[in-house]
Amino acid sequence: MKYYIIGERELVLAFKMIGVSGTFAETRQEVLDAFNRVIGKGGISNVPTGEIPRVLILTEHAASQIEDEQIAWQKTGNFPLIVEIPGLNGHIEGKRSLLDAIREAIGVQV
């Protein structure tokens, strides 16, 4: 399965050490440009020819900068699936975690 990460420099480098490609992005425009390249929207892709990743990992900080675009993409049901992970500074206060989403979806404490 192909993975790709967009986020803070240190996390992108850490994921590259285990073989996951990625893009370092700080500003909203950098995150949006990287996101559009990965999903193949708006021009040249920076992923290998036609190999759109199956899972796109976004740090919470990066994801918070492109929430509208992320939600619109998730509604299409296409790959890549998007997974958010905490950034270097930990979980963003007030942001719903994956565990919270599971609890809400199934109505059971995990």
PDB file of N, CA and C in Angstrom:
ATOM      1  N   MET A   1       0.842  -1.172   0.000  1.00  0.00           N
ATOM      2  CA  MET A   1       0.000   0.000   0.000  1.00  0.00           C
ATOM      3  C   MET A   1       0.890   1.239   0.000  1.00  0.00           C
ATOM      4  N   LYS A   2       0.545   2.195  -0.812  1.00  0.00           N
ATOM      5  CA  LYS A   2       1.314   3.444  -0.919  1.00  0.00           C
ATOM      6  C   LYS A   2       0.808   4.462   0.088  1.00  0.00           C
ATOM      7  N   TYR A   3       1.739   5.111   0.771  1.00  0.00           N
ATOM      8  CA  TYR A   3       1.437   6.163   1.725  1.00  0.00           C
ATOM      9  C   TYR A   3       2.149   7.435   1.293  1.00  0.00           C
ATOM     10  N   TYR A   4       1.638   8.579   1.758  1.00  0.00           N
ATOM     11  CA  TYR A   4       2.271   9.865   1.500  1.00  0.00           C
ATOM     12  C   TYR A   4       1.955  10.761   2.685  1.00  0.00           C
ATOM     13  N   ILE A   5       2.898  11.598   3.104  1.00  0.00           N
ATOM     14  CA  ILE A   5       2.677  12.475   4.247  1.00  0.00           C
ATOM     15  C   ILE A   5       2.918  13.928   3.868  1.00  0.00           C
ATOM     16  N   ILE A   6       2.063  14.802   4.430  1.00  0.00           N
ATOM     17  CA  ILE A   6       2.237  16.252   4.301  1.00  0.00           C
ATOM     18  C   ILE A   6       2.211  16.815   5.708  1.00  0.00           C
ATOM     19  N   GLY A   7       3.253  17.568   6.065  1.00  0.00           N
ATOM     20  CA  GLY A   7       3.276  18.127   7.410  1.00  0.00           C
ATOM     21  C   GLY A   7       4.594  18.785   7.753  1.00  0.00           C
ATOM     22  N   GLU A   8       4.879  18.804   9.055  1.00  0.00           N
ATOM     23  CA  GLU A   8       6.095  19.446   9.541  1.00  0.00           C
ATOM     24  C   GLU A   8       7.338  18.697   9.075  1.00  0.00           C
ATOM     25  N   ARG A   9       8.405  19.466   8.902  1.00  0.00           N
ATOM     26  CA  ARG A   9       9.657  18.930   8.358  1.00  0.00           C
ATOM     27  C   ARG A   9      10.140  17.676   9.104  1.00  0.00           C
ATOM     28  N   GLU A  10      10.167  17.726  10.421  1.00  0.00           N
ATOM     29  CA  GLU A  10      10.705  16.612  11.205  1.00  0.00           C
ATOM     30  C   GLU A  10       9.887  15.338  11.015  1.00  0.00           C
ATOM     31  N   LEU A  11       8.565  15.461  10.956  1.00  0.00           N
ATOM     32  CA  LEU A  11       7.729  14.278  10.760  1.00  0.00           C
ATOM     33  C   LEU A  11       7.876  13.723   9.351  1.00  0.00           C
ATOM     34  N   VAL A  12       7.970  14.608   8.371  1.00  0.00           N
ATOM     35  CA  VAL A  12       8.161  14.156   6.994  1.00  0.00           C
ATOM     36  C   VAL A  12       9.487  13.398   6.880  1.00  0.00           C
ATOM     37  N   LEU A  13      10.552  13.937   7.503  1.00  0.00           N
ATOM     38  CA  LEU A  13      11.850  13.261   7.477  1.00  0.00           C
ATOM     39  C   LEU A  13      11.790  11.913   8.197  1.00  0.00           C
ATOM     40  N   ALA A  14      11.094  11.861   9.316  1.00  0.00           N
ATOM     41  CA  ALA A  14      10.967  10.599  10.054  1.00  0.00           C
ATOM     42  C   ALA A  14      10.240   9.547   9.214  1.00  0.00           C
ATOM     43  N   PHE A  15       9.181   9.947   8.544  1.00  0.00           N
ATOM     44  CA  PHE A  15       8.460   9.000   7.696  1.00  0.00           C
ATOM     45  C   PHE A  15       9.304   8.588   6.499  1.00  0.00           C
ATOM     46  N   LYS A  16      10.107   9.496   5.963  1.00  0.00           N
ATOM     47  CA  LYS A  16      10.982   9.143   4.842  1.00  0.00           C
ATOM     48  C   LYS A  16      11.986   8.071   5.253  1.00  0.00           C
ATOM     49  N   MET A  17      12.392   8.099   6.529  1.00  0.00           N
ATOM     50  CA  MET A  17      13.347   7.086   7.012  1.00  0.00           C
ATOM     51  C   MET A  17      12.757   5.682   6.978  1.00  0.00           C
ATOM     52  N   ILE A  18      11.443   5.566   6.996  1.00  0.00           N
ATOM     53  CA  ILE A  18      10.819   4.241   6.915  1.00  0.00           C
ATOM     54  C   ILE A  18      10.205   3.987   5.540  1.00  0.00           C
ATOM     55  N   GLY A  19      10.564   4.850   4.574  1.00  0.00           N
ATOM     56  CA  GLY A  19      10.173   4.605   3.197  1.00  0.00           C
ATOM     57  C   GLY A  19       8.900   5.278   2.724  1.00  0.00           C
ATOM     58  N   VAL A  20       8.362   6.223   3.495  1.00  0.00           N
ATOM     59  CA  VAL A  20       7.149   6.931   3.096  1.00  0.00           C
ATOM     60  C   VAL A  20       7.533   8.288   2.506  1.00  0.00           C
ATOM     61  N   SER A  21       7.108   8.532   1.288  1.00  0.00           N
ATOM     62  CA  SER A  21       7.386   9.818   0.648  1.00  0.00           C
ATOM     63  C   SER A  21       6.536  10.902   1.292  1.00  0.00           C
ATOM     64  N   GLY A  22       6.979  12.159   1.130  1.00  0.00           N
ATOM     65  CA  GLY A  22       6.205  13.238   1.707  1.00  0.00           C
ATOM     66  C   GLY A  22       6.671  14.602   1.264  1.00  0.00           C
ATOM     67  N   THR A  23       5.912  15.596   1.702  1.00  0.00           N
ATOM     68  CA  THR A  23       6.205  16.983   1.400  1.00  0.00           C
ATOM     69  C   THR A  23       6.139  17.790   2.679  1.00  0.00           C
ATOM     70  N   PHE A  24       7.166  18.589   2.907  1.00  0.00           N
ATOM     71  CA  PHE A  24       7.194  19.506   4.033  1.00  0.00           C
ATOM     72  C   PHE A  24       6.385  20.729   3.639  1.00  0.00           C
ATOM     73  N   ALA A  25       5.426  21.123   4.479  1.00  0.00           N
ATOM     74  CA  ALA A  25       4.602  22.294   4.191  1.00  0.00           C
ATOM     75  C   ALA A  25       4.244  22.999   5.488  1.00  0.00           C
ATOM     76  N   GLU A  26       4.430  24.317   5.513  1.00  0.00           N
ATOM     77  CA  GLU A  26       4.102  25.121   6.695  1.00  0.00           C
ATOM     78  C   GLU A  26       2.874  25.991   6.484  1.00  0.00           C
ATOM     79  N   THR A  27       2.840  26.707   5.374  1.00  0.00           N
ATOM     80  CA  THR A  27       1.761  27.666   5.142  1.00  0.00           C
ATOM     81  C   THR A  27       0.563  26.983   4.489  1.00  0.00           C
ATOM     82  N   ARG A  28      -0.573  27.668   4.541  1.00  0.00           N
ATOM     83  CA  ARG A  28      -1.784  27.129   3.906  1.00  0.00           C
ATOM     84  C   ARG A  28      -1.546  26.872   2.430  1.00  0.00           C
ATOM     85  N   GLN A  29      -0.885  27.809   1.737  1.00  0.00           N
ATOM     86  CA  GLN A  29      -0.669  27.636   0.305  1.00  0.00           C
ATOM     87  C   GLN A  29       0.237  26.441   0.015  1.00  0.00           C
ATOM     88  N   GLU A  30       1.275  26.255   0.813  1.00  0.00           N
ATOM     89  CA  GLU A  30       2.161  25.096   0.627  1.00  0.00           C
ATOM     90  C   GLU A  30       1.404  23.789   0.848  1.00  0.00           C
ATOM     91  N   VAL A  31       0.591  23.749   1.898  1.00  0.00           N
ATOM     92  CA  VAL A  31      -0.198  22.536   2.183  1.00  0.00           C
ATOM     93  C   VAL A  31      -1.176  22.274   1.044  1.00  0.00           C
ATOM     94  N   LEU A  32      -1.877  23.318   0.601  1.00  0.00           N
ATOM     95  CA  LEU A  32      -2.855  23.173  -0.470  1.00  0.00           C
ATOM     96  C   LEU A  32      -2.202  22.734  -1.773  1.00  0.00           C
ATOM     97  N   ASP A  33      -1.066  23.312  -2.108  1.00  0.00           N
ATOM     98  CA  ASP A  33      -0.350  22.914  -3.324  1.00  0.00           C
ATOM     99  C   ASP A  33       0.070  21.442  -3.263  1.00  0.00           C
ATOM    100  N   ALA A  34       0.628  21.033  -2.125  1.00  0.00           N
ATOM    101  CA  ALA A  34       1.048  19.633  -1.966  1.00  0.00           C
ATOM    102  C   ALA A  34      -0.155  18.698  -2.035  1.00  0.00           C
ATOM    103  N   PHE A  35      -1.234  19.076  -1.375  1.00  0.00           N
ATOM    104  CA  PHE A  35      -2.457  18.264  -1.380  1.00  0.00           C
ATOM    105  C   PHE A  35      -2.980  18.098  -2.806  1.00  0.00           C
ATOM    106  N   ASN A  36      -3.055  19.205  -3.552  1.00  0.00           N
ATOM    107  CA  ASN A  36      -3.552  19.134  -4.932  1.00  0.00           C
ATOM    108  C   ASN A  36      -2.652  18.303  -5.830  1.00  0.00           C
ATOM    109  N   ARG A  37      -1.330  18.378  -5.611  1.00  0.00           N
ATOM    110  CA  ARG A  37      -0.405  17.556  -6.409  1.00  0.00           C
ATOM    111  C   ARG A  37      -0.615  16.074  -6.116  1.00  0.00           C
ATOM    112  N   VAL A  38      -0.821  15.742  -4.861  1.00  0.00           N
ATOM    113  CA  VAL A  38      -0.985  14.324  -4.489  1.00  0.00           C
ATOM    114  C   VAL A  38      -2.274  13.748  -5.060  1.00  0.00           C
ATOM    115  N   ILE A  39      -3.346  14.523  -5.009  1.00  0.00           N
ATOM    116  CA  ILE A  39      -4.618  13.990  -5.518  1.00  0.00           C
ATOM    117  C   ILE A  39      -4.743  14.139  -7.033  1.00  0.00           C
ATOM    118  N   GLY A  40      -3.718  14.773  -7.666  1.00  0.00           N
ATOM    119  CA  GLY A  40      -3.715  14.900  -9.118  1.00  0.00           C
ATOM    120  C   GLY A  40      -4.584  16.032  -9.626  1.00  0.00           C
ATOM    121  N   LYS A  41      -4.866  16.994  -8.790  1.00  0.00           N
ATOM    122  CA  LYS A  41      -5.718  18.123  -9.174  1.00  0.00           C
ATOM    123  C   LYS A  41      -4.845  19.342  -9.468  1.00  0.00           C
ATOM    124  N   GLY A  42      -5.137  19.993 -10.557  1.00  0.00           N
ATOM    125  CA  GLY A  42      -4.482  21.262 -10.837  1.00  0.00           C
ATOM    126  C   GLY A  42      -3.075  21.174 -11.374  1.00  0.00           C
ATOM    127  N   GLY A  43      -2.787  20.195 -12.194  1.00  0.00           N
ATOM    128  CA  GLY A  43      -1.484  20.215 -12.844  1.00  0.00           C
ATOM    129  C   GLY A  43      -0.627  18.999 -12.566  1.00  0.00           C
ATOM    130  N   ILE A  44       0.667  19.236 -12.564  1.00  0.00           N
ATOM    131  CA  ILE A  44       1.650  18.160 -12.474  1.00  0.00           C
ATOM    132  C   ILE A  44       1.655  17.562 -11.083  1.00  0.00           C
ATOM    133  N   SER A  45       1.650  16.255 -11.031  1.00  0.00           N
ATOM    134  CA  SER A  45       1.702  15.539  -9.759  1.00  0.00           C
ATOM    135  C   SER A  45       3.155  15.314  -9.377  1.00  0.00           C
ATOM    136  N   ASN A  46       3.435  15.329  -8.057  1.00  0.00           N
ATOM    137  CA  ASN A  46       4.802  15.043  -7.629  1.00  0.00           C
ATOM    138  C   ASN A  46       4.933  13.602  -7.156  1.00  0.00           C
ATOM    139  N   VAL A  47       3.898  12.823  -7.380  1.00  0.00           N
ATOM    140  CA  VAL A  47       3.983  11.405  -7.069  1.00  0.00           C
ATOM    141  C   VAL A  47       4.343  10.679  -8.362  1.00  0.00           C
ATOM    142  N   PRO A  48       4.962   9.495  -8.266  1.00  0.00           N
ATOM    143  CA  PRO A  48       5.360   8.775  -9.475  1.00  0.00           C
ATOM    144  C   PRO A  48       4.184   8.554 -10.421  1.00  0.00           C
ATOM    145  N   THR A  49       4.494   8.448 -11.691  1.00  0.00           N
ATOM    146  CA  THR A  49       3.510   8.384 -12.755  1.00  0.00           C
ATOM    147  C   THR A  49       2.289   7.542 -12.426  1.00  0.00           C
ATOM    148  N   GLY A  50       1.183   8.221 -12.219  1.00  0.00           N
ATOM    149  CA  GLY A  50      -0.089   7.546 -12.007  1.00  0.00           C
ATOM    150  C   GLY A  50      -0.240   6.781 -10.709  1.00  0.00           C
ATOM    151  N   GLU A  51       0.731   6.832  -9.823  1.00  0.00           N
ATOM    152  CA  GLU A  51       0.655   6.075  -8.586  1.00  0.00           C
ATOM    153  C   GLU A  51       0.156   6.956  -7.447  1.00  0.00           C
ATOM    154  N   ILE A  52      -1.125   7.260  -7.479  1.00  0.00           N
ATOM    155  CA  ILE A  52      -1.697   8.050  -6.394  1.00  0.00           C
ATOM    156  C   ILE A  52      -1.668   7.186  -5.144  1.00  0.00           C
ATOM    157  N   PRO A  53      -1.186   7.732  -4.037  1.00  0.00           N
ATOM    158  CA  PRO A  53      -1.125   6.937  -2.816  1.00  0.00           C
ATOM    159  C   PRO A  53      -2.514   6.510  -2.365  1.00  0.00           C
ATOM    160  N   ARG A  54      -2.577   5.404  -1.674  1.00  0.00           N
ATOM    161  CA  ARG A  54      -3.847   4.913  -1.139  1.00  0.00           C
ATOM    162  C   ARG A  54      -4.189   5.622   0.157  1.00  0.00           C
ATOM    163  N   VAL A  55      -3.175   6.058   0.910  1.00  0.00           N
ATOM    164  CA  VAL A  55      -3.387   6.746   2.186  1.00  0.00           C
ATOM    165  C   VAL A  55      -2.546   8.014   2.209  1.00  0.00           C
ATOM    166  N   LEU A  56      -3.199   9.134   2.475  1.00  0.00           N
ATOM    167  CA  LEU A  56      -2.514  10.404   2.629  1.00  0.00           C
ATOM    168  C   LEU A  56      -2.533  10.754   4.111  1.00  0.00           C
ATOM    169  N   ILE A  57      -1.353  10.903   4.682  1.00  0.00           N
ATOM    170  CA  ILE A  57      -1.230  11.243   6.094  1.00  0.00           C
ATOM    171  C   ILE A  57      -1.015  12.752   6.184  1.00  0.00           C
ATOM    172  N   LEU A  58      -1.897  13.416   6.927  1.00  0.00           N
ATOM    173  CA  LEU A  58      -1.765  14.852   7.165  1.00  0.00           C
ATOM    174  C   LEU A  58      -1.562  15.072   8.645  1.00  0.00           C
ATOM    175  N   THR A  59      -0.630  15.935   8.999  1.00  0.00           N
ATOM    176  CA  THR A  59      -0.544  16.310  10.405  1.00  0.00           C
ATOM    177  C   THR A  59      -1.763  17.174  10.709  1.00  0.00           C
ATOM    178  N   GLU A  60      -2.170  17.211  11.968  1.00  0.00           N
ATOM    179  CA  GLU A  60      -3.351  17.986  12.342  1.00  0.00           C
ATOM    180  C   GLU A  60      -3.193  19.453  11.950  1.00  0.00           C
ATOM    181  N   HIS A  61      -1.975  19.968  12.098  1.00  0.00           N
ATOM    182  CA  HIS A  61      -1.727  21.366  11.739  1.00  0.00           C
ATOM    183  C   HIS A  61      -1.959  21.586  10.246  1.00  0.00           C
ATOM    184  N   ALA A  62      -1.450  20.691   9.421  1.00  0.00           N
ATOM    185  CA  ALA A  62      -1.638  20.811   7.976  1.00  0.00           C
ATOM    186  C   ALA A  62      -3.112  20.649   7.616  1.00  0.00           C
ATOM    187  N   ALA A  63      -3.756  19.665   8.217  1.00  0.00           N
ATOM    188  CA  ALA A  63      -5.164  19.406   7.921  1.00  0.00           C
ATOM    189  C   ALA A  63      -6.051  20.579   8.306  1.00  0.00           C
ATOM    190  N   SER A  64      -5.714  21.244   9.407  1.00  0.00           N
ATOM    191  CA  SER A  64      -6.543  22.369   9.850  1.00  0.00           C
ATOM    192  C   SER A  64      -6.471  23.547   8.878  1.00  0.00           C
ATOM    193  N   GLN A  65      -5.442  23.592   8.063  1.00  0.00           N
ATOM    194  CA  GLN A  65      -5.279  24.690   7.106  1.00  0.00           C
ATOM    195  C   GLN A  65      -6.067  24.479   5.818  1.00  0.00           C
ATOM    196  N   ILE A  66      -6.458  23.225   5.552  1.00  0.00           N
ATOM    197  CA  ILE A  66      -7.196  22.944   4.318  1.00  0.00           C
ATOM    198  C   ILE A  66      -8.456  22.138   4.614  1.00  0.00           C
ATOM    199  N   GLU A  67      -9.128  22.435   5.707  1.00  0.00           N
ATOM    200  CA  GLU A  67     -10.298  21.653   6.119  1.00  0.00           C
ATOM    201  C   GLU A  67     -11.351  21.537   5.026  1.00  0.00           C
ATOM    202  N   ASP A  68     -11.709  22.658   4.396  1.00  0.00           N
ATOM    203  CA  ASP A  68     -12.763  22.622   3.373  1.00  0.00           C
ATOM    204  C   ASP A  68     -12.376  21.726   2.198  1.00  0.00           C
ATOM    205  N   GLU A  69     -11.154  21.853   1.734  1.00  0.00           N
ATOM    206  CA  GLU A  69     -10.690  21.034   0.613  1.00  0.00           C
ATOM    207  C   GLU A  69     -10.618  19.558   1.006  1.00  0.00           C
ATOM    208  N   GLN A  70     -10.193  19.299   2.238  1.00  0.00           N
ATOM    209  CA  GLN A  70     -10.094  17.926   2.722  1.00  0.00           C
ATOM    210  C   GLN A  70     -11.476  17.282   2.782  1.00  0.00           C
ATOM    211  N   ILE A  71     -12.444  17.980   3.323  1.00  0.00           N
ATOM    212  CA  ILE A  71     -13.802  17.442   3.425  1.00  0.00           C
ATOM    213  C   ILE A  71     -14.382  17.201   2.033  1.00  0.00           C
ATOM    214  N   ALA A  72     -14.183  18.154   1.130  1.00  0.00           N
ATOM    215  CA  ALA A  72     -14.680  17.993  -0.241  1.00  0.00           C
ATOM    216  C   ALA A  72     -14.074  16.750  -0.894  1.00  0.00           C
ATOM    217  N   TRP A  73     -12.768  16.522  -0.673  1.00  0.00           N
ATOM    218  CA  TRP A  73     -12.108  15.346  -1.248  1.00  0.00           C
ATOM    219  C   TRP A  73     -12.654  14.065  -0.630  1.00  0.00           C
ATOM    220  N   GLN A  74     -12.837  14.048   0.681  1.00  0.00           N
ATOM    221  CA  GLN A  74     -13.335  12.844   1.354  1.00  0.00           C
ATOM    222  C   GLN A  74     -14.734  12.481   0.870  1.00  0.00           C
ATOM    223  N   LYS A  75     -15.536  13.466   0.526  1.00  0.00           N
ATOM    224  CA  LYS A  75     -16.893  13.209   0.036  1.00  0.00           C
ATOM    225  C   LYS A  75     -16.910  12.543  -1.328  1.00  0.00           C
ATOM    226  N   THR A  76     -15.817  12.664  -2.083  1.00  0.00           N
ATOM    227  CA  THR A  76     -15.767  12.032  -3.401  1.00  0.00           C
ATOM    228  C   THR A  76     -15.627  10.514  -3.286  1.00  0.00           C
ATOM    229  N   GLY A  77     -15.058  10.048  -2.177  1.00  0.00           N
ATOM    230  CA  GLY A  77     -14.866   8.610  -1.996  1.00  0.00           C
ATOM    231  C   GLY A  77     -13.698   8.044  -2.773  1.00  0.00           C
ATOM    232  N   ASN A  78     -12.860   8.908  -3.314  1.00  0.00           N
ATOM    233  CA  ASN A  78     -11.700   8.454  -4.089  1.00  0.00           C
ATOM    234  C   ASN A  78     -10.482   8.269  -3.198  1.00  0.00           C
ATOM    235  N   PHE A  79      -9.473   7.565  -3.755  1.00  0.00           N
ATOM    236  CA  PHE A  79      -8.191   7.467  -3.082  1.00  0.00           C
ATOM    237  C   PHE A  79      -7.401   8.710  -3.381  1.00  0.00           C
ATOM    238  N   PRO A  80      -6.587   9.178  -2.482  1.00  0.00           N
ATOM    239  CA  PRO A  80      -6.183   8.547  -1.227  1.00  0.00           C
ATOM    240  C   PRO A  80      -7.162   8.840  -0.090  1.00  0.00           C
ATOM    241  N   LEU A  81      -7.212   7.874   0.815  1.00  0.00           N
ATOM    242  CA  LEU A  81      -7.926   8.093   2.061  1.00  0.00           C
ATOM    243  C   LEU A  81      -7.061   9.008   2.918  1.00  0.00           C
ATOM    244  N   ILE A  82      -7.682   9.849   3.720  1.00  0.00           N
ATOM    245  CA  ILE A  82      -6.926  10.817   4.507  1.00  0.00           C
ATOM    246  C   ILE A  82      -6.956  10.441   5.981  1.00  0.00           C
ATOM    247  N   VAL A  83      -5.770  10.397   6.562  1.00  0.00           N
ATOM    248  CA  VAL A  83      -5.622  10.107   7.986  1.00  0.00           C
ATOM    249  C   VAL A  83      -4.867  11.267   8.617  1.00  0.00           C
ATOM    250  N   GLU A  84      -5.385  11.771   9.728  1.00  0.00           N
ATOM    251  CA  GLU A  84      -4.712  12.851  10.447  1.00  0.00           C
ATOM    252  C   GLU A  84      -3.954  12.276  11.631  1.00  0.00           C
ATOM    253  N   ILE A  85      -2.754  12.809  11.837  1.00  0.00           N
ATOM    254  CA  ILE A  85      -1.960  12.412  13.002  1.00  0.00           C
ATOM    255  C   ILE A  85      -1.570  13.668  13.768  1.00  0.00           C
ATOM    256  N   PRO A  86      -1.340  13.539  15.064  1.00  0.00           N
ATOM    257  CA  PRO A  86      -0.875  14.710  15.829  1.00  0.00           C
ATOM    258  C   PRO A  86       0.481  15.166  15.302  1.00  0.00           C
ATOM    259  N   GLY A  87       0.726  16.460  15.415  1.00  0.00           N
ATOM    260  CA  GLY A  87       2.001  17.021  14.986  1.00  0.00           C
ATOM    261  C   GLY A  87       3.037  16.926  16.080  1.00  0.00           C
ATOM    262  N   LEU A  88       4.115  17.655  15.911  1.00  0.00           N
ATOM    263  CA  LEU A  88       5.212  17.636  16.874  1.00  0.00           C
ATOM    264  C   LEU A  88       4.792  18.157  18.243  1.00  0.00           C
ATOM    265  N   ASN A  89       3.837  19.065  18.262  1.00  0.00           N
ATOM    266  CA  ASN A  89       3.393  19.653  19.527  1.00  0.00           C
ATOM    267  C   ASN A  89       2.237  18.892  20.155  1.00  0.00           C
ATOM    268  N   GLY A  90       1.950  17.717  19.657  1.00  0.00           N
ATOM    269  CA  GLY A  90       0.882  16.909  20.215  1.00  0.00           C
ATOM    270  C   GLY A  90      -0.464  17.218  19.591  1.00  0.00           C
ATOM    271  N   HIS A  91      -1.492  16.657  20.172  1.00  0.00           N
ATOM    272  CA  HIS A  91      -2.859  16.777  19.688  1.00  0.00           C
ATOM    273  C   HIS A  91      -3.357  18.219  19.835  1.00  0.00           C
ATOM    274  N   ILE A  92      -3.992  18.746  18.819  1.00  0.00           N
ATOM    275  CA  ILE A  92      -4.555  20.103  18.878  1.00  0.00           C
ATOM    276  C   ILE A  92      -5.795  20.069  19.751  1.00  0.00           C
ATOM    277  N   GLU A  93      -5.814  20.924  20.760  1.00  0.00           N
ATOM    278  CA  GLU A  93      -6.930  20.986  21.703  1.00  0.00           C
ATOM    279  C   GLU A  93      -8.228  21.297  20.958  1.00  0.00           C
ATOM    280  N   GLY A  94      -9.271  20.526  21.261  1.00  0.00           N
ATOM    281  CA  GLY A  94     -10.576  20.749  20.655  1.00  0.00           C
ATOM    282  C   GLY A  94     -10.778  20.029  19.339  1.00  0.00           C
ATOM    283  N   LYS A  95      -9.747  19.432  18.789  1.00  0.00           N
ATOM    284  CA  LYS A  95      -9.854  18.708  17.528  1.00  0.00           C
ATOM    285  C   LYS A  95     -10.275  17.275  17.816  1.00  0.00           C
ATOM    286  N   ARG A  96     -11.245  16.792  17.086  1.00  0.00           N
ATOM    287  CA  ARG A  96     -11.753  15.445  17.291  1.00  0.00           C
ATOM    288  C   ARG A  96     -10.723  14.420  16.826  1.00  0.00           C
ATOM    289  N   SER A  97     -10.437  13.458  17.681  1.00  0.00           N
ATOM    290  CA  SER A  97      -9.453  12.432  17.340  1.00  0.00           C
ATOM    291  C   SER A  97     -10.129  11.273  16.606  1.00  0.00           C
ATOM    292  N   LEU A  98      -9.315  10.388  16.054  1.00  0.00           N
ATOM    293  CA  LEU A  98      -9.841   9.201  15.392  1.00  0.00           C
ATOM    294  C   LEU A  98     -10.641   8.356  16.370  1.00  0.00           C
ATOM    295  N   LEU A  99     -10.145   8.232  17.590  1.00  0.00           N
ATOM    296  CA  LEU A  99     -10.858   7.462  18.610  1.00  0.00           C
ATOM    297  C   LEU A  99     -12.219   8.084  18.914  1.00  0.00           C
ATOM    298  N   ASP A 100     -12.286   9.403  18.973  1.00  0.00           N
ATOM    299  CA  ASP A 100     -13.565  10.085  19.190  1.00  0.00           C
ATOM    300  C   ASP A 100     -14.536   9.795  18.052  1.00  0.00           C
ATOM    301  N   ALA A 101     -14.044   9.801  16.830  1.00  0.00           N
ATOM    302  CA  ALA A 101     -14.884   9.527  15.668  1.00  0.00           C
ATOM    303  C   ALA A 101     -15.431   8.104  15.703  1.00  0.00           C
ATOM    304  N   ILE A 102     -14.588   7.156  16.127  1.00  0.00           N
ATOM    305  CA  ILE A 102     -15.032   5.759  16.228  1.00  0.00           C
ATOM    306  C   ILE A 102     -16.105   5.634  17.301  1.00  0.00           C
ATOM    307  N   ARG A 103     -15.862   6.260  18.442  1.00  0.00           N
ATOM    308  CA  ARG A 103     -16.858   6.224  19.512  1.00  0.00           C
ATOM    309  C   ARG A 103     -18.195   6.779  19.041  1.00  0.00           C
ATOM    310  N   GLU A 104     -18.155   7.889  18.320  1.00  0.00           N
ATOM    311  CA  GLU A 104     -19.365   8.517  17.827  1.00  0.00           C
ATOM    312  C   GLU A 104     -20.064   7.622  16.804  1.00  0.00           C
ATOM    313  N   ALA A 105     -19.297   6.984  15.933  1.00  0.00           N
ATOM    314  CA  ALA A 105     -19.870   6.164  14.874  1.00  0.00           C
ATOM    315  C   ALA A 105     -20.527   4.888  15.392  1.00  0.00           C
ATOM    316  N   ILE A 106     -19.885   4.229  16.350  1.00  0.00           N
ATOM    317  CA  ILE A 106     -20.438   2.954  16.821  1.00  0.00           C
ATOM    318  C   ILE A 106     -21.154   3.060  18.154  1.00  0.00           C
ATOM    319  N   GLY A 107     -20.986   4.192  18.824  1.00  0.00           N
ATOM    320  CA  GLY A 107     -21.705   4.395  20.089  1.00  0.00           C
ATOM    321  C   GLY A 107     -21.207   3.551  21.234  1.00  0.00           C
ATOM    322  N   VAL A 108     -19.955   3.099  21.139  1.00  0.00           N
ATOM    323  CA  VAL A 108     -19.391   2.232  22.172  1.00  0.00           C
ATOM    324  C   VAL A 108     -18.041   2.806  22.596  1.00  0.00           C
ATOM    325  N   GLN A 109     -17.764   2.795  23.894  1.00  0.00           N
ATOM    326  CA  GLN A 109     -16.449   3.215  24.383  1.00  0.00           C
ATOM    327  C   GLN A 109     -15.421   2.138  24.022  1.00  0.00           C
ATOM    328  N   VAL A 110     -14.331   2.557  23.421  1.00  0.00           N
ATOM    329  CA  VAL A 110     -13.288   1.611  23.028  1.00  0.00           C
ATOM    330  C   VAL A 110     -12.147   1.693  24.020  1.00  0.00           C
TER     331      VAL A 110
END
